[in-house]
Amino acid sequence: MKNLLYAGSLAALCALTGCNDDTVNLVRLAHADLEAKSGSSLIGTASFSQISGRGVRVYIVVSGVAPGQHAVHLHQNGDCSGPTAMNAGPHWNPTSEPHGRRGTAPYHRGDIGNITVGTDGTGVLAVTAEDWNIGGSDASRNILNKALIVHANADDYVSQPSGNSGAHIGCGVVMDQ
């Protein structure tokens, strides 16, 4: 099963990045299975691939979601229990930065972006986070055991502390493969 997951993650990564023979050196893989929260019908998955020298590529797929933009963040606690996943805590922010847009300083390490959901209720988001690791001793970079949250609203990238992104409609814990 692990080899099948590895092959699937590698295939998805190559489809997104245009792999060739010398492009990818995968170091480690992780995943999160997203479950519905706050009365939503969301289902989804997130695949994480650590690429040597490039950070972590996350590929998120959701369905059963209202069309439009929905914020996606890593939250500090890997706890999706409860009907609203509030045990996930605040955004993962080990560097104590203000909330913002990934790639435009300042931003939380847990700020990922908005996923666009089409009229069919499905959406895909792919992001590379150069400041993340899958595992390792540096807690300010390690994404394992964090909660991946999909929110009801879009992230406005301005409002503190969470971009006015609304309720948690999906949650999954980032786990090693």
N, C-alpha and C. Protein backbone atom coordinates (compact mmCIF):
# COMPACT_ATOMS: atom_id res chain seq x y z
N MET A 1 0.82 -1.19 0.00
CA MET A 1 0.00 0.00 0.00
C MET A 1 0.87 1.26 0.00
N LYS A 2 1.93 1.26 0.81
CA LYS A 2 2.80 2.42 0.88
C LYS A 2 3.41 2.72 -0.49
N ASN A 3 3.82 1.68 -1.22
CA ASN A 3 4.38 1.88 -2.55
C ASN A 3 3.35 2.44 -3.51
N LEU A 4 2.10 2.02 -3.39
CA LEU A 4 1.03 2.53 -4.23
C LEU A 4 0.79 4.01 -3.94
N LEU A 5 0.77 4.40 -2.66
CA LEU A 5 0.61 5.80 -2.29
C LEU A 5 1.77 6.63 -2.80
N TYR A 6 2.99 6.10 -2.68
CA TYR A 6 4.18 6.79 -3.18
C TYR A 6 4.05 7.01 -4.68
N ALA A 7 3.68 5.98 -5.41
CA ALA A 7 3.55 6.09 -6.86
C ALA A 7 2.47 7.09 -7.24
N GLY A 8 1.36 7.08 -6.51
CA GLY A 8 0.28 8.02 -6.78
C GLY A 8 0.70 9.45 -6.51
N SER A 9 1.40 9.67 -5.41
CA SER A 9 1.88 11.02 -5.09
C SER A 9 2.92 11.48 -6.11
N LEU A 10 3.80 10.59 -6.52
CA LEU A 10 4.81 10.93 -7.52
C LEU A 10 4.13 11.27 -8.84
N ALA A 11 3.12 10.49 -9.23
CA ALA A 11 2.41 10.77 -10.48
C ALA A 11 1.73 12.13 -10.43
N ALA A 12 1.08 12.45 -9.31
CA ALA A 12 0.42 13.75 -9.15
C ALA A 12 1.45 14.87 -9.19
N LEU A 13 2.57 14.69 -8.52
CA LEU A 13 3.62 15.69 -8.50
C LEU A 13 4.16 15.91 -9.91
N CYS A 14 4.40 14.85 -10.64
CA CYS A 14 4.93 14.97 -12.00
C CYS A 14 3.92 15.63 -12.93
N ALA A 15 2.63 15.33 -12.75
CA ALA A 15 1.61 15.96 -13.57
C ALA A 15 1.61 17.47 -13.36
N LEU A 16 1.88 17.90 -12.14
CA LEU A 16 1.87 19.33 -11.82
C LEU A 16 3.16 20.04 -12.19
N THR A 17 4.29 19.35 -12.08
CA THR A 17 5.58 20.02 -12.25
C THR A 17 6.29 19.67 -13.54
N GLY A 18 5.77 18.72 -14.31
CA GLY A 18 6.42 18.34 -15.55
C GLY A 18 7.73 17.62 -15.33
N CYS A 19 7.69 16.54 -14.56
CA CYS A 19 8.91 15.80 -14.22
C CYS A 19 9.64 15.30 -15.46
N ASN A 20 10.94 15.22 -15.32
CA ASN A 20 11.76 14.49 -16.28
C ASN A 20 12.71 13.63 -15.45
N ASP A 21 13.64 12.97 -16.08
CA ASP A 21 14.48 11.99 -15.39
C ASP A 21 15.25 12.55 -14.20
N ASP A 22 15.64 13.83 -14.24
CA ASP A 22 16.46 14.35 -13.17
C ASP A 22 15.76 15.42 -12.33
N THR A 23 14.43 15.53 -12.43
CA THR A 23 13.71 16.61 -11.77
C THR A 23 13.46 16.39 -10.30
N VAL A 24 12.99 15.20 -9.91
CA VAL A 24 12.45 15.01 -8.58
C VAL A 24 13.31 14.08 -7.74
N ASN A 25 13.61 14.52 -6.52
CA ASN A 25 14.25 13.68 -5.53
C ASN A 25 13.38 13.75 -4.28
N LEU A 26 12.37 12.88 -4.22
CA LEU A 26 11.45 12.88 -3.09
C LEU A 26 12.17 12.38 -1.85
N VAL A 27 12.01 13.12 -0.76
CA VAL A 27 12.65 12.78 0.50
C VAL A 27 11.67 12.07 1.42
N ARG A 28 10.42 12.56 1.47
CA ARG A 28 9.44 12.02 2.40
C ARG A 28 8.04 12.39 1.95
N LEU A 29 7.07 11.54 2.30
CA LEU A 29 5.67 11.77 1.94
C LEU A 29 4.80 11.83 3.19
N ALA A 30 3.69 12.57 3.09
CA ALA A 30 2.69 12.63 4.16
C ALA A 30 1.32 12.81 3.50
N HIS A 31 0.28 12.64 4.30
CA HIS A 31 -1.08 12.81 3.77
C HIS A 31 -2.01 13.28 4.89
N ALA A 32 -3.18 13.78 4.47
CA ALA A 32 -4.26 14.11 5.40
C ALA A 32 -5.56 13.75 4.71
N ASP A 33 -6.40 12.98 5.39
CA ASP A 33 -7.74 12.66 4.90
C ASP A 33 -8.70 13.67 5.51
N LEU A 34 -9.36 14.45 4.67
CA LEU A 34 -10.23 15.52 5.14
C LEU A 34 -11.64 15.00 5.37
N GLU A 35 -12.20 15.37 6.52
CA GLU A 35 -13.57 14.98 6.86
C GLU A 35 -14.42 16.23 7.07
N ALA A 36 -15.72 16.08 6.85
CA ALA A 36 -16.66 17.18 6.97
C ALA A 36 -16.77 17.67 8.41
N LYS A 37 -16.89 18.98 8.56
CA LYS A 37 -17.09 19.63 9.86
C LYS A 37 -18.13 20.74 9.70
N SER A 38 -18.68 21.19 10.81
CA SER A 38 -19.62 22.31 10.85
C SER A 38 -20.82 22.09 9.93
N GLY A 39 -21.28 20.84 9.82
CA GLY A 39 -22.46 20.52 9.02
C GLY A 39 -22.24 20.50 7.52
N SER A 40 -20.98 20.55 7.07
CA SER A 40 -20.70 20.53 5.63
C SER A 40 -20.78 19.10 5.08
N SER A 41 -20.63 18.99 3.78
CA SER A 41 -20.58 17.69 3.10
C SER A 41 -19.21 17.43 2.49
N LEU A 42 -18.22 18.18 2.91
CA LEU A 42 -16.88 18.10 2.34
C LEU A 42 -16.25 16.74 2.56
N ILE A 43 -15.60 16.25 1.52
CA ILE A 43 -14.67 15.13 1.62
C ILE A 43 -13.44 15.52 0.81
N GLY A 44 -12.29 14.99 1.18
CA GLY A 44 -11.11 15.36 0.43
C GLY A 44 -9.85 14.70 0.95
N THR A 45 -8.77 14.97 0.24
CA THR A 45 -7.46 14.46 0.60
C THR A 45 -6.41 15.54 0.35
N ALA A 46 -5.31 15.41 1.06
CA ALA A 46 -4.15 16.25 0.82
C ALA A 46 -2.93 15.35 0.80
N SER A 47 -2.11 15.49 -0.23
CA SER A 47 -0.85 14.75 -0.35
C SER A 47 0.30 15.73 -0.22
N PHE A 48 1.28 15.36 0.58
CA PHE A 48 2.45 16.20 0.82
C PHE A 48 3.68 15.45 0.34
N SER A 49 4.52 16.11 -0.45
CA SER A 49 5.74 15.51 -0.97
C SER A 49 6.90 16.44 -0.67
N GLN A 50 7.83 15.99 0.15
CA GLN A 50 9.03 16.79 0.40
C GLN A 50 10.00 16.53 -0.71
N ILE A 51 10.45 17.61 -1.33
CA ILE A 51 11.34 17.52 -2.48
C ILE A 51 12.68 18.12 -2.08
N SER A 52 13.72 17.36 -2.23
CA SER A 52 15.06 17.79 -1.83
C SER A 52 15.39 19.17 -2.40
N GLY A 53 15.71 20.09 -1.50
CA GLY A 53 16.11 21.42 -1.91
C GLY A 53 14.98 22.35 -2.31
N ARG A 54 13.71 21.89 -2.29
CA ARG A 54 12.61 22.73 -2.75
C ARG A 54 11.50 22.93 -1.73
N GLY A 55 11.53 22.25 -0.60
CA GLY A 55 10.45 22.36 0.38
C GLY A 55 9.44 21.25 0.21
N VAL A 56 8.19 21.56 0.52
CA VAL A 56 7.10 20.58 0.48
C VAL A 56 6.03 21.03 -0.50
N ARG A 57 5.65 20.13 -1.37
CA ARG A 57 4.55 20.36 -2.32
C ARG A 57 3.30 19.74 -1.72
N VAL A 58 2.22 20.52 -1.59
CA VAL A 58 0.95 20.00 -1.11
C VAL A 58 -0.05 20.07 -2.26
N TYR A 59 -0.80 18.99 -2.41
CA TYR A 59 -1.81 18.84 -3.46
C TYR A 59 -3.11 18.47 -2.76
N ILE A 60 -4.09 19.39 -2.79
CA ILE A 60 -5.34 19.23 -2.05
C ILE A 60 -6.49 19.07 -3.04
N VAL A 61 -7.34 18.07 -2.80
CA VAL A 61 -8.52 17.82 -3.63
C VAL A 61 -9.73 17.75 -2.70
N VAL A 62 -10.78 18.52 -2.99
CA VAL A 62 -12.00 18.49 -2.19
C VAL A 62 -13.22 18.32 -3.09
N SER A 63 -14.29 17.79 -2.50
CA SER A 63 -15.59 17.72 -3.18
C SER A 63 -16.68 17.91 -2.14
N GLY A 64 -17.90 18.16 -2.63
CA GLY A 64 -19.03 18.37 -1.74
C GLY A 64 -19.00 19.72 -1.06
N VAL A 65 -18.41 20.72 -1.72
CA VAL A 65 -18.23 22.05 -1.14
C VAL A 65 -18.97 23.08 -1.99
N ALA A 66 -19.49 24.12 -1.35
CA ALA A 66 -20.17 25.20 -2.07
C ALA A 66 -19.19 25.87 -3.03
N PRO A 67 -19.64 26.21 -4.23
CA PRO A 67 -18.76 26.89 -5.19
C PRO A 67 -18.21 28.20 -4.63
N GLY A 68 -17.01 28.53 -5.08
CA GLY A 68 -16.36 29.79 -4.67
C GLY A 68 -15.00 29.54 -4.08
N GLN A 69 -14.46 30.55 -3.42
CA GLN A 69 -13.15 30.49 -2.79
C GLN A 69 -13.28 30.07 -1.34
N HIS A 70 -12.38 29.19 -0.90
CA HIS A 70 -12.35 28.71 0.48
C HIS A 70 -10.91 28.72 0.98
N ALA A 71 -10.69 29.34 2.13
CA ALA A 71 -9.35 29.40 2.71
C ALA A 71 -8.90 28.02 3.15
N VAL A 72 -7.60 27.78 3.04
CA VAL A 72 -6.97 26.55 3.52
C VAL A 72 -5.77 26.95 4.36
N HIS A 73 -5.71 26.39 5.58
CA HIS A 73 -4.62 26.71 6.51
C HIS A 73 -4.18 25.46 7.25
N LEU A 74 -2.94 25.46 7.72
CA LEU A 74 -2.50 24.50 8.72
C LEU A 74 -2.73 25.12 10.08
N HIS A 75 -3.35 24.36 10.98
CA HIS A 75 -3.57 24.80 12.35
C HIS A 75 -2.64 24.02 13.27
N GLN A 76 -2.33 24.61 14.42
CA GLN A 76 -1.23 24.09 15.23
C GLN A 76 -1.47 22.74 15.88
N ASN A 77 -2.72 22.36 16.14
CA ASN A 77 -2.98 21.09 16.82
C ASN A 77 -3.54 20.07 15.84
N GLY A 78 -2.96 18.90 15.81
CA GLY A 78 -3.47 17.82 14.97
C GLY A 78 -4.66 17.15 15.62
N ASP A 79 -5.73 17.91 15.82
CA ASP A 79 -6.91 17.41 16.52
C ASP A 79 -8.16 17.90 15.78
N CYS A 80 -8.80 16.99 15.07
CA CYS A 80 -10.01 17.32 14.31
C CYS A 80 -11.28 16.88 15.04
N SER A 81 -11.16 16.54 16.32
CA SER A 81 -12.32 16.06 17.06
C SER A 81 -13.33 17.18 17.24
N GLY A 82 -14.54 16.78 17.49
CA GLY A 82 -15.62 17.73 17.69
C GLY A 82 -16.26 18.13 16.37
N PRO A 83 -17.50 18.56 16.43
CA PRO A 83 -18.25 18.85 15.21
C PRO A 83 -17.75 20.05 14.41
N THR A 84 -16.98 20.93 15.05
CA THR A 84 -16.48 22.12 14.35
C THR A 84 -14.95 22.16 14.27
N ALA A 85 -14.28 21.13 14.74
CA ALA A 85 -12.81 21.02 14.71
C ALA A 85 -12.10 22.20 15.37
N MET A 86 -12.72 22.78 16.37
CA MET A 86 -12.09 23.90 17.07
C MET A 86 -10.88 23.47 17.90
N ASN A 87 -10.76 22.17 18.18
CA ASN A 87 -9.58 21.68 18.90
C ASN A 87 -8.31 21.79 18.07
N ALA A 88 -8.44 22.11 16.79
CA ALA A 88 -7.27 22.31 15.93
C ALA A 88 -6.48 23.55 16.35
N GLY A 89 -7.10 24.42 17.12
CA GLY A 89 -6.41 25.62 17.60
C GLY A 89 -6.22 26.66 16.52
N PRO A 90 -5.37 27.64 16.81
CA PRO A 90 -5.13 28.72 15.84
C PRO A 90 -4.25 28.25 14.69
N HIS A 91 -4.06 29.13 13.72
CA HIS A 91 -3.13 28.84 12.63
C HIS A 91 -1.76 28.49 13.20
N TRP A 92 -1.09 27.57 12.53
CA TRP A 92 0.28 27.22 12.89
C TRP A 92 1.15 28.44 12.58
N ASN A 93 1.79 28.98 13.60
CA ASN A 93 2.54 30.23 13.46
C ASN A 93 3.77 30.23 14.37
N PRO A 94 4.72 29.32 14.13
CA PRO A 94 5.87 29.20 15.03
C PRO A 94 6.81 30.39 15.00
N THR A 95 6.71 31.24 14.00
CA THR A 95 7.60 32.40 13.90
C THR A 95 6.92 33.69 14.36
N SER A 96 5.70 33.59 14.88
CA SER A 96 4.95 34.73 15.43
C SER A 96 4.80 35.89 14.45
N GLU A 97 4.47 35.56 13.22
CA GLU A 97 4.25 36.57 12.18
C GLU A 97 2.77 36.93 12.11
N PRO A 98 2.42 38.10 11.59
CA PRO A 98 1.02 38.40 11.33
C PRO A 98 0.49 37.50 10.21
N HIS A 99 -0.83 37.33 10.20
CA HIS A 99 -1.47 36.57 9.12
C HIS A 99 -1.27 37.32 7.80
N GLY A 100 -1.15 36.57 6.71
CA GLY A 100 -1.00 37.21 5.40
C GLY A 100 -1.09 36.21 4.27
N ARG A 101 -0.55 36.59 3.13
CA ARG A 101 -0.57 35.77 1.91
C ARG A 101 0.78 35.08 1.76
N ARG A 102 0.75 33.74 1.64
CA ARG A 102 1.97 32.96 1.44
C ARG A 102 2.75 33.53 0.26
N GLY A 103 4.04 33.70 0.48
CA GLY A 103 4.91 34.22 -0.58
C GLY A 103 5.09 35.72 -0.53
N THR A 104 4.25 36.41 0.26
CA THR A 104 4.36 37.85 0.42
C THR A 104 4.46 38.14 1.90
N ALA A 105 5.67 38.38 2.39
CA ALA A 105 5.89 38.56 3.83
C ALA A 105 5.10 39.77 4.34
N PRO A 106 4.65 39.69 5.59
CA PRO A 106 4.71 38.56 6.51
C PRO A 106 3.51 37.64 6.34
N TYR A 107 3.67 36.40 6.79
CA TYR A 107 2.57 35.43 6.79
C TYR A 107 2.89 34.33 7.79
N HIS A 108 1.82 33.66 8.26
CA HIS A 108 1.99 32.50 9.14
C HIS A 108 2.55 31.35 8.33
N ARG A 109 3.32 30.47 8.94
CA ARG A 109 3.76 29.26 8.24
C ARG A 109 2.55 28.43 7.82
N GLY A 110 1.45 28.54 8.55
CA GLY A 110 0.25 27.77 8.24
C GLY A 110 -0.63 28.38 7.17
N ASP A 111 -0.31 29.57 6.69
CA ASP A 111 -1.10 30.19 5.63
C ASP A 111 -0.80 29.47 4.32
N ILE A 112 -1.85 28.91 3.70
CA ILE A 112 -1.66 28.18 2.45
C ILE A 112 -2.24 28.96 1.27
N GLY A 113 -3.49 29.36 1.37
CA GLY A 113 -4.13 30.10 0.28
C GLY A 113 -5.59 29.75 0.17
N ASN A 114 -6.19 30.12 -0.95
CA ASN A 114 -7.60 29.82 -1.21
C ASN A 114 -7.70 28.73 -2.28
N ILE A 115 -8.62 27.81 -2.06
CA ILE A 115 -8.92 26.80 -3.06
C ILE A 115 -10.18 27.25 -3.80
N THR A 116 -10.17 27.15 -5.11
CA THR A 116 -11.32 27.52 -5.92
C THR A 116 -12.17 26.28 -6.16
N VAL A 117 -13.43 26.35 -5.75
CA VAL A 117 -14.36 25.24 -5.93
C VAL A 117 -15.33 25.62 -7.05
N GLY A 118 -15.45 24.74 -8.03
CA GLY A 118 -16.32 24.98 -9.18
C GLY A 118 -17.78 24.69 -8.89
N THR A 119 -18.60 24.90 -9.89
CA THR A 119 -20.05 24.68 -9.74
C THR A 119 -20.39 23.23 -9.47
N ASP A 120 -19.46 22.32 -9.78
CA ASP A 120 -19.69 20.90 -9.49
C ASP A 120 -19.32 20.52 -8.07
N GLY A 121 -18.87 21.50 -7.27
CA GLY A 121 -18.54 21.25 -5.87
C GLY A 121 -17.15 20.71 -5.63
N THR A 122 -16.30 20.68 -6.68
CA THR A 122 -14.94 20.14 -6.52
C THR A 122 -13.91 21.24 -6.70
N GLY A 123 -12.77 21.05 -6.04
CA GLY A 123 -11.68 22.00 -6.17
C GLY A 123 -10.34 21.32 -5.95
N VAL A 124 -9.30 21.91 -6.53
CA VAL A 124 -7.94 21.42 -6.42
C VAL A 124 -7.03 22.61 -6.14
N LEU A 125 -6.09 22.42 -5.23
CA LEU A 125 -5.10 23.44 -4.93
C LEU A 125 -3.74 22.77 -4.81
N ALA A 126 -2.74 23.34 -5.47
CA ALA A 126 -1.37 22.84 -5.36
C ALA A 126 -0.47 24.02 -5.00
N VAL A 127 0.32 23.84 -3.95
CA VAL A 127 1.20 24.90 -3.45
C VAL A 127 2.51 24.27 -3.03
N THR A 128 3.61 24.97 -3.26
CA THR A 128 4.90 24.56 -2.73
C THR A 128 5.27 25.50 -1.60
N ALA A 129 5.58 24.93 -0.44
CA ALA A 129 5.97 25.70 0.74
C ALA A 129 7.45 25.43 1.01
N GLU A 130 8.29 26.37 0.68
CA GLU A 130 9.72 26.20 0.85
C GLU A 130 10.15 26.23 2.30
N ASP A 131 9.26 26.70 3.19
CA ASP A 131 9.59 26.80 4.62
C ASP A 131 9.02 25.65 5.44
N TRP A 132 8.61 24.57 4.80
CA TRP A 132 8.08 23.39 5.48
C TRP A 132 9.01 22.20 5.32
N ASN A 133 8.94 21.29 6.28
CA ASN A 133 9.55 19.96 6.21
C ASN A 133 8.51 18.94 6.65
N ILE A 134 8.62 17.75 6.16
CA ILE A 134 7.83 16.62 6.66
C ILE A 134 8.72 15.92 7.67
N GLY A 135 8.47 16.16 8.96
CA GLY A 135 9.28 15.60 10.02
C GLY A 135 10.52 16.44 10.27
N GLY A 136 11.40 15.88 11.08
CA GLY A 136 12.63 16.57 11.42
C GLY A 136 12.55 17.24 12.78
N SER A 137 13.69 17.65 13.28
CA SER A 137 13.77 18.20 14.63
C SER A 137 13.43 19.68 14.71
N ASP A 138 13.35 20.39 13.60
CA ASP A 138 13.05 21.82 13.61
C ASP A 138 11.53 22.01 13.64
N ALA A 139 11.00 22.25 14.84
CA ALA A 139 9.54 22.38 15.03
C ALA A 139 8.96 23.56 14.27
N SER A 140 9.78 24.53 13.92
CA SER A 140 9.28 25.69 13.18
C SER A 140 9.06 25.39 11.70
N ARG A 141 9.45 24.19 11.26
CA ARG A 141 9.27 23.78 9.85
C ARG A 141 8.47 22.48 9.69
N ASN A 142 8.35 21.70 10.76
CA ASN A 142 7.75 20.37 10.70
C ASN A 142 6.22 20.44 10.65
N ILE A 143 5.63 19.93 9.56
CA ILE A 143 4.17 20.00 9.38
C ILE A 143 3.43 18.77 9.90
N LEU A 144 4.16 17.73 10.32
CA LEU A 144 3.48 16.54 10.82
C LEU A 144 2.67 16.87 12.07
N ASN A 145 1.52 16.22 12.19
CA ASN A 145 0.62 16.37 13.34
C ASN A 145 0.03 17.77 13.46
N LYS A 146 -0.09 18.44 12.34
CA LYS A 146 -0.83 19.70 12.26
C LYS A 146 -2.18 19.37 11.61
N ALA A 147 -3.19 20.21 11.86
CA ALA A 147 -4.49 20.02 11.22
C ALA A 147 -4.56 20.86 9.96
N LEU A 148 -4.95 20.24 8.85
CA LEU A 148 -5.23 20.97 7.62
C LEU A 148 -6.71 21.31 7.66
N ILE A 149 -7.03 22.60 7.63
CA ILE A 149 -8.41 23.06 7.73
C ILE A 149 -8.82 23.74 6.43
N VAL A 150 -10.02 23.37 5.93
CA VAL A 150 -10.68 24.09 4.84
C VAL A 150 -11.78 24.91 5.51
N HIS A 151 -11.83 26.19 5.17
CA HIS A 151 -12.77 27.12 5.79
C HIS A 151 -13.98 27.41 4.90
N ALA A 152 -15.03 27.94 5.49
CA ALA A 152 -16.27 28.25 4.79
C ALA A 152 -16.11 29.43 3.82
N ASN A 153 -15.21 30.36 4.14
CA ASN A 153 -15.06 31.58 3.34
C ASN A 153 -13.65 31.69 2.78
N ALA A 154 -13.48 32.63 1.87
CA ALA A 154 -12.16 32.93 1.33
C ALA A 154 -11.32 33.64 2.38
N ASP A 155 -10.02 33.49 2.29
CA ASP A 155 -9.07 34.23 3.11
C ASP A 155 -8.90 35.60 2.45
N ASP A 156 -9.12 36.67 3.23
CA ASP A 156 -8.92 38.02 2.68
C ASP A 156 -7.47 38.46 2.78
N TYR A 157 -6.62 37.65 3.39
CA TYR A 157 -5.17 37.87 3.54
C TYR A 157 -4.81 39.11 4.36
N VAL A 158 -5.80 39.75 4.98
CA VAL A 158 -5.56 40.98 5.72
C VAL A 158 -6.02 40.87 7.17
N SER A 159 -7.26 40.43 7.39
CA SER A 159 -7.84 40.40 8.73
C SER A 159 -7.03 39.51 9.65
N GLN A 160 -6.83 39.97 10.88
CA GLN A 160 -6.05 39.23 11.87
C GLN A 160 -7.00 38.57 12.86
N PRO A 161 -6.75 37.37 13.29
CA PRO A 161 -5.54 36.59 13.01
C PRO A 161 -5.72 35.54 11.92
N SER A 162 -6.90 35.50 11.25
CA SER A 162 -7.14 34.35 10.36
C SER A 162 -7.75 34.69 9.00
N GLY A 163 -7.69 35.92 8.59
CA GLY A 163 -8.15 36.27 7.25
C GLY A 163 -9.65 36.27 7.07
N ASN A 164 -10.42 36.35 8.17
CA ASN A 164 -11.88 36.39 8.10
C ASN A 164 -12.42 35.19 7.31
N SER A 165 -11.82 34.03 7.54
CA SER A 165 -12.10 32.86 6.71
C SER A 165 -13.27 31.99 7.18
N GLY A 166 -13.82 32.27 8.33
CA GLY A 166 -15.05 31.59 8.75
C GLY A 166 -14.86 30.21 9.34
N ALA A 167 -15.97 29.49 9.39
CA ALA A 167 -16.05 28.18 10.05
C ALA A 167 -15.12 27.16 9.40
N HIS A 168 -14.77 26.14 10.19
CA HIS A 168 -13.99 25.00 9.71
C HIS A 168 -14.97 24.03 9.06
N ILE A 169 -14.92 23.88 7.73
CA ILE A 169 -15.85 22.95 7.06
C ILE A 169 -15.20 21.62 6.72
N GLY A 170 -13.88 21.54 6.86
CA GLY A 170 -13.17 20.29 6.63
C GLY A 170 -11.90 20.27 7.46
N CYS A 171 -11.52 19.07 7.92
CA CYS A 171 -10.33 18.96 8.75
C CYS A 171 -9.68 17.58 8.54
N GLY A 172 -8.36 17.57 8.51
CA GLY A 172 -7.58 16.34 8.45
C GLY A 172 -6.23 16.55 9.10
N VAL A 173 -5.69 15.52 9.73
CA VAL A 173 -4.40 15.62 10.40
C VAL A 173 -3.30 15.15 9.44
N VAL A 174 -2.24 15.95 9.35
CA VAL A 174 -1.10 15.61 8.50
C VAL A 174 -0.32 14.48 9.17
N MET A 175 -0.24 13.34 8.45
CA MET A 175 0.39 12.15 8.99
C MET A 175 1.45 11.62 8.03
N ASP A 176 2.50 11.07 8.60
CA ASP A 176 3.57 10.44 7.84
C ASP A 176 3.00 9.24 7.07
N GLN A 177 3.57 8.96 5.90
CA GLN A 177 3.16 7.79 5.12
C GLN A 177 4.14 6.67 5.33
